[in-house]
C-alpha atoms as a PDB file:
ATOM      1  CA  UNK A   1      66.578  37.430  98.699  1.00  0.00           C
ATOM      2  CA  UNK A   2      62.809  35.356  98.854  1.00  0.00           C
ATOM      3  CA  UNK A   3      59.285  35.813  98.052  1.00  0.00           C
ATOM      4  CA  UNK A   4      59.932  36.694  94.346  1.00  0.00           C
ATOM      5  CA  UNK A   5      56.536  35.562  92.903  1.00  0.00           C
ATOM      6  CA  UNK A   6      55.342  35.583  89.564  1.00  0.00           C
ATOM      7  CA  UNK A   7      52.372  37.484  90.260  1.00  0.00           C
ATOM      8  CA  UNK A   8      54.689  40.146  91.868  1.00  0.00           C
ATOM      9  CA  UNK A   9      56.798  40.509  88.855  1.00  0.00           C
ATOM     10  CA  UNK A  10      53.690  40.818  86.885  1.00  0.00           C
ATOM     11  CA  UNK A  11      52.654  43.529  89.146  1.00  0.00           C
ATOM     12  CA  UNK A  12      55.707  45.859  89.471  1.00  0.00           C
ATOM     13  CA  UNK A  13      56.355  45.255  85.759  1.00  0.00           C
ATOM     14  CA  UNK A  14      52.940  44.736  83.245  1.00  0.00           C
ATOM     15  CA  UNK A  15      53.079  48.860  82.382  1.00  0.00           C
ATOM     16  CA  UNK A  16      57.138  49.378  82.279  1.00  0.00           C
ATOM     17  CA  UNK A  17      57.704  45.860  80.213  1.00  0.00           C
ATOM     18  CA  UNK A  18      54.165  45.394  78.161  1.00  0.00           C
ATOM     19  CA  UNK A  19      53.095  42.254  79.880  1.00  0.00           C
ATOM     20  CA  UNK A  20      50.239  40.096  79.747  1.00  0.00           C
ATOM     21  CA  UNK A  21      49.379  36.937  81.455  1.00  0.00           C
ATOM     22  CA  UNK A  22      48.520  34.694  78.885  1.00  0.00           C
ATOM     23  CA  UNK A  23      47.970  31.305  80.192  1.00  0.00           C
ATOM     24  CA  UNK A  24      48.527  29.641  83.885  1.00  0.00           C
ATOM     25  CA  UNK A  25      47.099  31.673  85.728  1.00  0.00           C
ATOM     26  CA  UNK A  26      46.851  29.418  88.659  1.00  0.00           C
ATOM     27  CA  UNK A  27      50.771  29.101  88.774  1.00  0.00           C
ATOM     28  CA  UNK A  28      51.458  33.180  90.055  1.00  0.00           C
ATOM     29  CA  UNK A  29      52.330  32.268  93.016  1.00  0.00           C
ATOM     30  CA  UNK A  30      55.300  30.710  91.565  1.00  0.00           C
ATOM     31  CA  UNK A  31      58.545  32.060  93.225  1.00  0.00           C
ATOM     32  CA  UNK A  32      61.547  33.181  91.192  1.00  0.00           C
ATOM     33  CA  UNK A  33      64.855  32.279  92.775  1.00  0.00           C
ATOM     34  CA  UNK A  34      67.504  33.506  90.433  1.00  0.00           C
ATOM     35  CA  UNK A  35      68.566  36.792  89.055  1.00  0.00           C
ATOM     36  CA  UNK A  36      69.320  35.334  85.007  1.00  0.00           C
ATOM     37  CA  UNK A  37      67.098  34.084  82.267  1.00  0.00           C
ATOM     38  CA  UNK A  38      67.348  31.209  80.156  1.00  0.00           C
ATOM     39  CA  UNK A  39      66.769  30.383  76.313  1.00  0.00           C
ATOM     40  CA  UNK A  40      65.294  27.047  75.962  1.00  0.00           C
ATOM     41  CA  UNK A  41      66.101  26.991  72.377  1.00  0.00           C
ATOM     42  CA  UNK A  42      67.694  23.102  72.821  1.00  0.00           C
ATOM     43  CA  UNK A  43      65.616  21.932  75.280  1.00  0.00           C
ATOM     44  CA  UNK A  44      62.748  22.456  72.702  1.00  0.00           C
ATOM     45  CA  UNK A  45      64.612  19.770  70.460  1.00  0.00           C
ATOM     46  CA  UNK A  46      64.877  17.889  73.398  1.00  0.00           C
ATOM     47  CA  UNK A  47      68.528  18.077  74.886  1.00  0.00           C
ATOM     48  CA  UNK A  48      67.283  18.826  78.720  1.00  0.00           C
ATOM     49  CA  UNK A  49      71.275  17.658  80.047  1.00  0.00           C
ATOM     50  CA  UNK A  50      72.204  21.345  80.637  1.00  0.00           C
ATOM     51  CA  UNK A  51      68.892  23.021  81.456  1.00  0.00           C
ATOM     52  CA  UNK A  52      68.263  25.398  83.465  1.00  0.00           C
ATOM     53  CA  UNK A  53      65.041  25.023  84.173  1.00  0.00           C
ATOM     54  CA  UNK A  54      64.677  27.009  87.438  1.00  0.00           C
ATOM     55  CA  UNK A  55      65.214  30.365  85.487  1.00  0.00           C
ATOM     56  CA  UNK A  56      62.597  32.291  83.712  1.00  0.00           C
ATOM     57  CA  UNK A  57      62.151  31.099  80.293  1.00  0.00           C
ATOM     58  CA  UNK A  58      62.624  33.818  77.249  1.00  0.00           C
ATOM     59  CA  UNK A  59      61.508  32.855  73.936  1.00  0.00           C
ATOM     60  CA  UNK A  60      61.918  35.217  71.011  1.00  0.00           C
ATOM     61  CA  UNK A  61      61.249  34.436  67.562  1.00  0.00           C
ATOM     62  CA  UNK A  62      63.694  31.787  66.495  1.00  0.00           C
ATOM     63  CA  UNK A  63      62.095  29.445  68.905  1.00  0.00           C
ATOM     64  CA  UNK A  64      58.509  30.321  68.063  1.00  0.00           C
ATOM     65  CA  UNK A  65      59.393  29.929  64.136  1.00  0.00           C
ATOM     66  CA  UNK A  66      61.174  26.350  65.465  1.00  0.00           C
ATOM     67  CA  UNK A  67      58.017  25.328  66.977  1.00  0.00           C
ATOM     68  CA  UNK A  68      55.728  26.471  63.609  1.00  0.00           C
ATOM     69  CA  UNK A  69      57.650  24.333  61.774  1.00  0.00           C
ATOM     70  CA  UNK A  70      57.183  20.953  63.210  1.00  0.00           C
ATOM     71  CA  UNK A  71      54.385  19.265  62.930  1.00  0.00           C
ATOM     72  CA  UNK A  72      51.726  19.556  65.559  1.00  0.00           C
ATOM     73  CA  UNK A  73      52.384  16.002  67.290  1.00  0.00           C
ATOM     74  CA  UNK A  74      56.268  17.146  67.663  1.00  0.00           C
ATOM     75  CA  UNK A  75      55.509  20.836  68.307  1.00  0.00           C
ATOM     76  CA  UNK A  76      53.355  19.564  71.419  1.00  0.00           C
ATOM     77  CA  UNK A  77      56.361  17.277  72.294  1.00  0.00           C
ATOM     78  CA  UNK A  78      58.394  19.912  72.376  1.00  0.00           C
ATOM     79  CA  UNK A  79      56.858  22.050  74.666  1.00  0.00           C
ATOM     80  CA  UNK A  80      56.041  19.179  76.639  1.00  0.00           C
ATOM     81  CA  UNK A  81      59.801  18.389  77.462  1.00  0.00           C
ATOM     82  CA  UNK A  82      60.273  21.906  79.077  1.00  0.00           C
ATOM     83  CA  UNK A  83      57.355  21.977  80.635  1.00  0.00           C
ATOM     84  CA  UNK A  84      57.551  18.859  82.352  1.00  0.00           C
ATOM     85  CA  UNK A  85      60.223  20.645  84.757  1.00  0.00           C
ATOM     86  CA  UNK A  86      59.196  23.294  87.542  1.00  0.00           C
ATOM     87  CA  UNK A  87      59.011  26.588  85.192  1.00  0.00           C
ATOM     88  CA  UNK A  88      58.975  29.600  87.325  1.00  0.00           C
ATOM     89  CA  UNK A  89      57.076  30.956  83.867  1.00  0.00           C
ATOM     90  CA  UNK A  90      57.625  31.682  79.864  1.00  0.00           C
ATOM     91  CA  UNK A  91      57.617  34.974  78.579  1.00  0.00           C
ATOM     92  CA  UNK A  92      57.270  35.560  75.115  1.00  0.00           C
ATOM     93  CA  UNK A  93      58.661  38.484  73.424  1.00  0.00           C
ATOM     94  CA  UNK A  94      57.783  40.540  70.716  1.00  0.00           C
ATOM     95  CA  UNK A  95      53.736  40.182  71.260  1.00  0.00           C
ATOM     96  CA  UNK A  96      54.263  37.077  69.717  1.00  0.00           C
ATOM     97  CA  UNK A  97      51.459  34.767  69.763  1.00  0.00           C
ATOM     98  CA  UNK A  98      51.899  31.991  71.327  1.00  0.00           C
ATOM     99  CA  UNK A  99      50.863  28.274  69.688  1.00  0.00           C
ATOM    100  CA  UNK A 100      47.490  27.153  71.095  1.00  0.00           C
ATOM    101  CA  UNK A 101      49.154  23.823  72.640  1.00  0.00           C
ATOM    102  CA  UNK A 102      51.594  26.203  74.391  1.00  0.00           C
ATOM    103  CA  UNK A 103      48.869  27.868  76.414  1.00  0.00           C
ATOM    104  CA  UNK A 104      47.331  24.599  76.973  1.00  0.00           C
ATOM    105  CA  UNK A 105      50.173  22.824  77.784  1.00  0.00           C
ATOM    106  CA  UNK A 106      50.938  25.942  80.255  1.00  0.00           C
ATOM    107  CA  UNK A 107      47.763  26.231  81.946  1.00  0.00           C
ATOM    108  CA  UNK A 108      47.832  22.219  82.908  1.00  0.00           C
ATOM    109  CA  UNK A 109      50.710  22.609  84.621  1.00  0.00           C
ATOM    110  CA  UNK A 110      50.639  26.197  86.337  1.00  0.00           C
ATOM    111  CA  UNK A 111      53.170  27.596  84.476  1.00  0.00           C
ATOM    112  CA  UNK A 112      52.316  31.565  83.900  1.00  0.00           C
ATOM    113  CA  UNK A 113      52.727  32.357  80.158  1.00  0.00           C
ATOM    114  CA  UNK A 114      53.666  35.885  79.628  1.00  0.00           C
ATOM    115  CA  UNK A 115      53.836  38.266  76.312  1.00  0.00           C
ATOM    116  CA  UNK A 116      55.537  41.240  76.397  1.00  0.00           C
ATOM    117  CA  UNK A 117      55.103  43.838  73.761  1.00  0.00           C
ATOM    118  CA  UNK A 118      59.270  44.460  73.827  1.00  0.00           C
ATOM    119  CA  UNK A 119      61.878  42.882  71.587  1.00  0.00           C
ATOM    120  CA  UNK A 120      64.599  40.371  73.422  1.00  0.00           C
ATOM    121  CA  UNK A 121      67.289  42.472  73.475  1.00  0.00           C
ATOM    122  CA  UNK A 122      64.861  45.511  75.032  1.00  0.00           C
ATOM    123  CA  UNK A 123      63.224  43.398  77.433  1.00  0.00           C
ATOM    124  CA  UNK A 124      65.886  41.439  78.434  1.00  0.00           C
ATOM    125  CA  UNK A 125      68.225  44.527  78.840  1.00  0.00           C
ATOM    126  CA  UNK A 126      65.532  46.359  81.354  1.00  0.00           C
ATOM    127  CA  UNK A 127      64.234  43.056  82.632  1.00  0.00           C
ATOM    128  CA  UNK A 128      67.568  42.798  84.225  1.00  0.00           C
ATOM    129  CA  UNK A 129      68.214  45.795  85.898  1.00  0.00           C
ATOM    130  CA  UNK A 130      64.943  44.774  87.648  1.00  0.00           C
ATOM    131  CA  UNK A 131      65.952  41.494  88.680  1.00  0.00           C
ATOM    132  CA  UNK A 132      69.176  42.597  89.413  1.00  0.00           C
ATOM    133  CA  UNK A 133      67.876  45.495  92.252  1.00  0.00           C
ATOM    134  CA  UNK A 134      65.912  42.532  93.703  1.00  0.00           C
ATOM    135  CA  UNK A 135      68.584  39.946  94.027  1.00  0.00           C
ATOM    136  CA  UNK A 136      71.612  42.388  95.121  1.00  0.00           C
ATOM    137  CA  UNK A 137      72.996  41.348  97.925  1.00  0.00           C
ATOM    138  CA  UNK A 138      71.768  43.717 100.997  1.00  0.00           C
ATOM    139  CA  UNK A 139      72.331  44.726 104.348  1.00  0.00           C
ATOM    140  CA  UNK A 140      71.892  47.142 106.951  1.00  0.00           C
ATOM    141  CA  UNK A 141      74.284  49.608 108.496  1.00  0.00           C
ATOM    142  CA  UNK A 142      74.264  51.731 111.581  1.00  0.00           C
ATOM    143  CA  UNK A 143      74.465  54.985 110.365  1.00  0.00           C
ATOM    144  CA  UNK A 144      73.964  57.986 108.531  1.00  0.00           C
ATOM    145  CA  UNK A 145      74.320  58.563 104.883  1.00  0.00           C
ATOM    146  CA  UNK A 146      74.570  62.375 103.306  1.00  0.00           C
ATOM    147  CA  UNK A 147      75.631  63.370  99.779  1.00  0.00           C
ATOM    148  CA  UNK A 148      78.224  65.751 100.375  1.00  0.00           C
ATOM    149  CA  UNK A 149      79.895  67.573  96.882  1.00  0.00           C
ATOM    150  CA  UNK A 150      78.393  65.263  95.317  1.00  0.00           C
ATOM    151  CA  UNK A 151      80.295  62.450  97.406  1.00  0.00           C
ATOM    152  CA  UNK A 152      77.944  59.889  99.128  1.00  0.00           C
ATOM    153  CA  UNK A 153      79.911  59.953 103.174  1.00  0.00           C
ATOM    154  CA  UNK A 154      78.604  57.356 105.320  1.00  0.00           C
ATOM    155  CA  UNK A 155      79.328  58.163 109.268  1.00  0.00           C
ATOM    156  CA  UNK A 156      79.232  55.608 111.454  1.00  0.00           C
ATOM    157  CA  UNK A 157      80.295  55.664 115.209  1.00  0.00           C
ATOM    158  CA  UNK A 158      78.788  55.024 118.875  1.00  0.00           C
ATOM    159  CA  UNK A 159      75.435  55.633 119.389  1.00  0.00           C
ATOM    160  CA  UNK A 160      75.168  59.203 120.560  1.00  0.00           C
ATOM    161  CA  UNK A 161      78.497  60.517 119.242  1.00  0.00           C
ATOM    162  CA  UNK A 162      76.891  62.914 117.537  1.00  0.00           C
ATOM    163  CA  UNK A 163      76.194  61.735 113.725  1.00  0.00           C
ATOM    164  CA  UNK A 164      72.911  63.211 113.390  1.00  0.00           C
ATOM    165  CA  UNK A 165      74.021  66.695 114.594  1.00  0.00           C
ATOM    166  CA  UNK A 166      76.933  66.603 112.225  1.00  0.00           C
ATOM    167  CA  UNK A 167      74.559  65.637 109.449  1.00  0.00           C
ATOM    168  CA  UNK A 168      71.823  68.711 110.596  1.00  0.00           C
ATOM    169  CA  UNK A 169      74.692  70.832 110.456  1.00  0.00           C
ATOM    170  CA  UNK A 170      75.712  69.733 106.738  1.00  0.00           C
ATOM    171  CA  UNK A 171      72.582  70.069 105.189  1.00  0.00           C
ATOM    172  CA  UNK A 172      72.116  73.555 107.050  1.00  0.00           C
ATOM    173  CA  UNK A 173      75.302  74.522 104.789  1.00  0.00           C
ATOM    174  CA  UNK A 174      73.376  72.832 101.734  1.00  0.00           C
ATOM    175  CA  UNK A 175      74.323  69.327 101.696  1.00  0.00           C
ATOM    176  CA  UNK A 176      71.908  66.434 101.193  1.00  0.00           C
ATOM    177  CA  UNK A 177      70.638  63.693 103.282  1.00  0.00           C
ATOM    178  CA  UNK A 178      70.091  60.521 102.359  1.00  0.00           C
ATOM    179  CA  UNK A 179      69.574  58.236 105.411  1.00  0.00           C
ATOM    180  CA  UNK A 180      69.697  58.691 108.954  1.00  0.00           C
ATOM    181  CA  UNK A 181      70.141  55.891 111.974  1.00  0.00           C
ATOM    182  CA  UNK A 182      69.870  53.140 109.941  1.00  0.00           C
ATOM    183  CA  UNK A 183      70.876  53.118 106.422  1.00  0.00           C
ATOM    184  CA  UNK A 184      69.801  50.186 103.948  1.00  0.00           C
ATOM    185  CA  UNK A 185      72.788  49.386 101.563  1.00  0.00           C
ATOM    186  CA  UNK A 186      72.439  47.024  98.352  1.00  0.00           C
ATOM    187  CA  UNK A 187      75.509  46.060  96.488  1.00  0.00           C
ATOM    188  CA  UNK A 188      75.052  46.688  93.086  1.00  0.00           C
ATOM    189  CA  UNK A 189      77.409  45.458  89.625  1.00  0.00           C
ATOM    190  CA  UNK A 190      80.763  45.945  89.650  1.00  0.00           C
ATOM    191  CA  UNK A 191      80.963  46.733  93.768  1.00  0.00           C
ATOM    192  CA  UNK A 192      78.983  49.504  93.383  1.00  0.00           C
ATOM    193  CA  UNK A 193      77.766  49.752  96.786  1.00  0.00           C
ATOM    194  CA  UNK A 194      74.227  52.240  97.381  1.00  0.00           C
ATOM    195  CA  UNK A 195      72.489  53.127 100.139  1.00  0.00           C
ATOM    196  CA  UNK A 196      68.857  54.601 101.096  1.00  0.00           C
ATOM    197  CA  UNK A 197      66.739  55.150 103.920  1.00  0.00           C
ATOM    198  CA  UNK A 198      63.652  53.434 105.822  1.00  0.00           C
ATOM    199  CA  UNK A 199      60.938  54.847 103.767  1.00  0.00           C
ATOM    200  CA  UNK A 200      58.964  56.008 106.621  1.00  0.00           C
ATOM    201  CA  UNK A 201      61.145  58.373 107.817  1.00  0.00           C
ATOM    202  CA  UNK A 202      63.666  59.106 104.528  1.00  0.00           C
ATOM    203  CA  UNK A 203      63.444  62.790 105.375  1.00  0.00           C
ATOM    204  CA  UNK A 204      63.791  62.534 109.218  1.00  0.00           C
ATOM    205  CA  UNK A 205      66.812  62.734 111.494  1.00  0.00           C
ATOM    206  CA  UNK A 206      66.148  62.213 115.402  1.00  0.00           C
ATOM    207  CA  UNK A 207      68.446  64.754 117.357  1.00  0.00           C
ATOM    208  CA  UNK A 208      69.099  63.900 120.966  1.00  0.00           C
ATOM    209  CA  UNK A 209      67.358  66.724 123.115  1.00  0.00           C
ATOM    210  CA  UNK A 210      65.152  67.912 120.381  1.00  0.00           C
ATOM    211  CA  UNK A 211      63.181  64.896 119.163  1.00  0.00           C
ATOM    212  CA  UNK A 212      62.797  64.073 115.407  1.00  0.00           C
ATOM    213  CA  UNK A 213      63.603  66.673 112.779  1.00  0.00           C
ATOM    214  CA  UNK A 214      61.792  66.887 108.768  1.00  0.00           C
ATOM    215  CA  UNK A 215      64.892  67.939 107.037  1.00  0.00           C
ATOM    216  CA  UNK A 216      62.692  68.086 103.835  1.00  0.00           C
ATOM    217  CA  UNK A 217      60.136  70.425 105.093  1.00  0.00           C
ATOM    218  CA  UNK A 218      62.651  72.509 107.252  1.00  0.00           C
ATOM    219  CA  UNK A 219      65.155  73.101 104.201  1.00  0.00           C
ATOM    220  CA  UNK A 220      63.198  72.230 101.147  1.00  0.00           C
ATOM    221  CA  UNK A 221      63.284  69.076  98.770  1.00  0.00           C
ATOM    222  CA  UNK A 222      67.287  69.672  97.244  1.00  0.00           C
ATOM    223  CA  UNK A 223      67.922  69.107 101.271  1.00  0.00           C
ATOM    224  CA  UNK A 224      67.385  65.498 100.514  1.00  0.00           C
ATOM    225  CA  UNK A 225      67.910  62.516  98.384  1.00  0.00           C
ATOM    226  CA  UNK A 226      66.340  58.773  97.944  1.00  0.00           C
ATOM    227  CA  UNK A 227      69.224  57.139  97.376  1.00  0.00           C
ATOM    228  CA  UNK A 228      73.206  57.457  97.043  1.00  0.00           C
ATOM    229  CA  UNK A 229      76.789  55.532  96.141  1.00  0.00           C
ATOM    230  CA  UNK A 230      78.529  55.379  99.282  1.00  0.00           C
ATOM    231  CA  UNK A 231      81.888  56.395  98.325  1.00  0.00           C
ATOM    232  CA  UNK A 232      83.686  57.169 102.083  1.00  0.00           C
ATOM    233  CA  UNK A 233      83.278  56.167 105.353  1.00  0.00           C
ATOM    234  CA  UNK A 234      83.669  59.038 108.059  1.00  0.00           C
ATOM    235  CA  UNK A 235      84.269  57.013 111.549  1.00  0.00           C
ATOM    236  CA  UNK A 236      83.441  59.562 114.338  1.00  0.00           C
ATOM    237  CA  UNK A 237      85.369  58.371 116.990  1.00  0.00           C
ATOM    238  CA  UNK A 238      85.662  59.665 120.701  1.00  0.00           C
ATOM    239  CA  UNK A 239      89.561  61.797 121.135  1.00  0.00           C
ATOM    240  CA  UNK A 240      91.694  59.815 122.936  1.00  0.00           C
ATOM    241  CA  UNK A 241      95.081  61.184 123.551  1.00  0.00           C
ATOM    242  CA  UNK A 242      97.241  57.406 123.798  1.00  0.00           C
ATOM    243  CA  UNK A 243      95.730  56.895 120.397  1.00  0.00           C
ATOM    244  CA  UNK A 244      97.723  57.240 116.914  1.00  0.00           C
ATOM    245  CA  UNK A 245      95.659  58.942 114.834  1.00  0.00           C
ATOM    246  CA  UNK A 246      96.745  58.501 110.849  1.00  0.00           C
ATOM    247  CA  UNK A 247      98.824  62.391 110.261  1.00  0.00           C
ATOM    248  CA  UNK A 248     100.053  62.556 106.685  1.00  0.00           C
ATOM    249  CA  UNK A 249      96.996  60.449 105.110  1.00  0.00           C
ATOM    250  CA  UNK A 250      99.729  57.765 103.494  1.00  0.00           C
ATOM    251  CA  UNK A 251      98.481  55.182 104.920  1.00  0.00           C
ATOM    252  CA  UNK A 252      94.460  54.165 103.841  1.00  0.00           C
ATOM    253  CA  UNK A 253      92.262  52.342 105.398  1.00  0.00           C
ATOM    254  CA  UNK A 254      89.340  50.321 104.209  1.00  0.00           C
ATOM    255  CA  UNK A 255      85.961  49.311 104.763  1.00  0.00           C
ATOM    256  CA  UNK A 256      84.453  46.286 103.733  1.00  0.00           C
ATOM    257  CA  UNK A 257      80.622  46.064 103.330  1.00  0.00           C
ATOM    258  CA  UNK A 258      78.978  43.553 101.030  1.00  0.00           C
ATOM    259  CA  UNK A 259      82.519  42.180  99.950  1.00  0.00           C
ATOM    260  CA  UNK A 260      83.432  45.967  98.163  1.00  0.00           C
ATOM    261  CA  UNK A 261      86.006  48.018  99.709  1.00  0.00           C
ATOM    262  CA  UNK A 262      85.507  51.528 100.435  1.00  0.00           C
ATOM    263  CA  UNK A 263      88.037  54.354 101.827  1.00  0.00           C
ATOM    264  CA  UNK A 264      87.722  55.153 105.723  1.00  0.00           C
ATOM    265  CA  UNK A 265      88.720  57.910 107.482  1.00  0.00           C
ATOM    266  CA  UNK A 266      88.861  58.179 110.777  1.00  0.00           C
ATOM    267  CA  UNK A 267      88.372  61.799 112.593  1.00  0.00           C
ATOM    268  CA  UNK A 268      88.543  62.114 116.354  1.00  0.00           C
ATOM    269  CA  UNK A 269      85.841  64.537 118.218  1.00  0.00           C
ATOM    270  CA  UNK A 270      85.656  66.572 121.211  1.00  0.00           C
ATOM    271  CA  UNK A 271      82.952  68.955 122.122  1.00  0.00           C
ATOM    272  CA  UNK A 272      82.714  72.100 120.955  1.00  0.00           C
ATOM    273  CA  UNK A 273      84.683  71.050 117.793  1.00  0.00           C
ATOM    274  CA  UNK A 274      83.341  71.868 114.407  1.00  0.00           C
ATOM    275  CA  UNK A 275      83.256  68.573 112.191  1.00  0.00           C
ATOM    276  CA  UNK A 276      81.159  70.071 109.310  1.00  0.00           C
ATOM    277  CA  UNK A 277      84.186  71.568 107.683  1.00  0.00           C
ATOM    278  CA  UNK A 278      86.229  68.791 108.157  1.00  0.00           C
ATOM    279  CA  UNK A 279      83.978  66.546 106.329  1.00  0.00           C
ATOM    280  CA  UNK A 280      83.473  68.857 103.311  1.00  0.00           C
ATOM    281  CA  UNK A 281      87.194  68.826 103.414  1.00  0.00           C
ATOM    282  CA  UNK A 282      87.174  64.666 103.176  1.00  0.00           C
ATOM    283  CA  UNK A 283      84.936  65.015 100.203  1.00  0.00           C
ATOM    284  CA  UNK A 284      86.662  67.656  98.407  1.00  0.00           C
ATOM    285  CA  UNK A 285      89.641  65.463  98.948  1.00  0.00           C
ATOM    286  CA  UNK A 286      88.311  62.110  97.694  1.00  0.00           C
ATOM    287  CA  UNK A 287      87.249  64.249  94.561  1.00  0.00           C
ATOM    288  CA  UNK A 288      90.652  64.847  94.129  1.00  0.00           C
ATOM    289  CA  UNK A 289      92.001  61.632  94.752  1.00  0.00           C
ATOM    290  CA  UNK A 290      89.197  60.437  91.836  1.00  0.00           C
ATOM    291  CA  UNK A 291      91.343  62.957  89.176  1.00  0.00           C
ATOM    292  CA  UNK A 292      94.456  61.920  90.482  1.00  0.00           C
ATOM    293  CA  UNK A 293      95.502  64.365  92.866  1.00  0.00           C
ATOM    294  CA  UNK A 294      96.711  62.931  96.488  1.00  0.00           C
ATOM    295  CA  UNK A 295      98.544  65.513  98.592  1.00  0.00           C
ATOM    296  CA  UNK A 296     100.072  63.366 100.859  1.00  0.00           C
ATOM    297  CA  UNK A 297     101.451  61.364  97.943  1.00  0.00           C
ATOM    298  CA  UNK A 298     102.822  64.219  96.361  1.00  0.00           C
ATOM    299  CA  UNK A 299     104.869  65.636  99.454  1.00  0.00           C
ATOM    300  CA  UNK A 300     106.245  62.296 100.231  1.00  0.00           C
ATOM    301  CA  UNK A 301     107.323  62.475  96.734  1.00  0.00           C
ATOM    302  CA  UNK A 302     109.022  66.750  97.082  1.00  0.00           C
ATOM    303  CA  UNK A 303     110.249  65.340 100.014  1.00  0.00           C
ATOM    304  CA  UNK A 304     111.962  62.732  98.515  1.00  0.00           C
ATOM    305  CA  UNK A 305     112.832  64.800  95.186  1.00  0.00           C
ATOM    306  CA  UNK A 306     114.466  67.193  97.752  1.00  0.00           C
ATOM    307  CA  UNK A 307     116.978  64.706  99.575  1.00  0.00           C
ATOM    308  CA  UNK A 308     118.107  63.448  96.674  1.00  0.00           C
ATOM    309  CA  UNK A 309     118.491  67.012  95.179  1.00  0.00           C
ATOM    310  CA  UNK A 310     120.559  67.419  98.447  1.00  0.00           C
ATOM    311  CA  UNK A 311     122.673  64.161  97.993  1.00  0.00           C
ATOM    312  CA  UNK A 312     123.776  65.344  94.529  1.00  0.00           C
ATOM    313  CA  UNK A 313     125.100  68.653  95.967  1.00  0.00           C
ATOM    314  CA  UNK A 314     127.038  66.661  98.326  1.00  0.00           C
END
């Protein structure tokens, strides 16, 4: 991730987080390089050995009370201690009135000083979500993402194998397009990966021989959605009689995307094979697995129980 400036941060969060720039307007091009924030309480007392100055500095009632209790000369010294570093910016919570000395020092050092109307807890909670999205690991995958019965299915396969055609068939059956051709994937917390499409072509599908099809215009707004968690990869592969395929589902394959593992199902196709119903079955089968029912494992257990029963009889 690169390019998150304090100016962009202000532009995108002023209304949502109640932000106001108090000082340091010459530092709006300062770059934020970390999704973490820091409370500089100890640094204000002079202990800077472990001061994480490259993070956004969050100051609340406790730090301001400490500063206001100091003589003016000591207060200036405390503020100078932290502002000697290349801070991205300082954010005051609770609509706190900034000490005059802090305003002067921030202007002198080109450190944006921002105040929010939110409490420290509220601001930290909401702003962390914003930073998490900005700094989340991301990549692009050639494929198509569809919401099928609430399951995010990522279709992959060679160009021209029929990913978009299968998607159009699914949309006609009432499912929802998320992205076609290029899926922008972001890893959220706890290994959750979310996919979305290109903003310019998000509601469109390219069908070879037909051209561009606008799904939202043809099927309505219910046929598309902006983003979806990716839960299963469906690999479309050419039929090969010599290739051994998974017949029972006991051996579950996984696909690693941005260090997160998701189940992967390989579906062989050939001209005339109807894929949409198979894909719906994949989605429903995964839903059942999430609820503790695995048909392949159940069948294997029944076979074992039957073998044991026959052995006892003999």
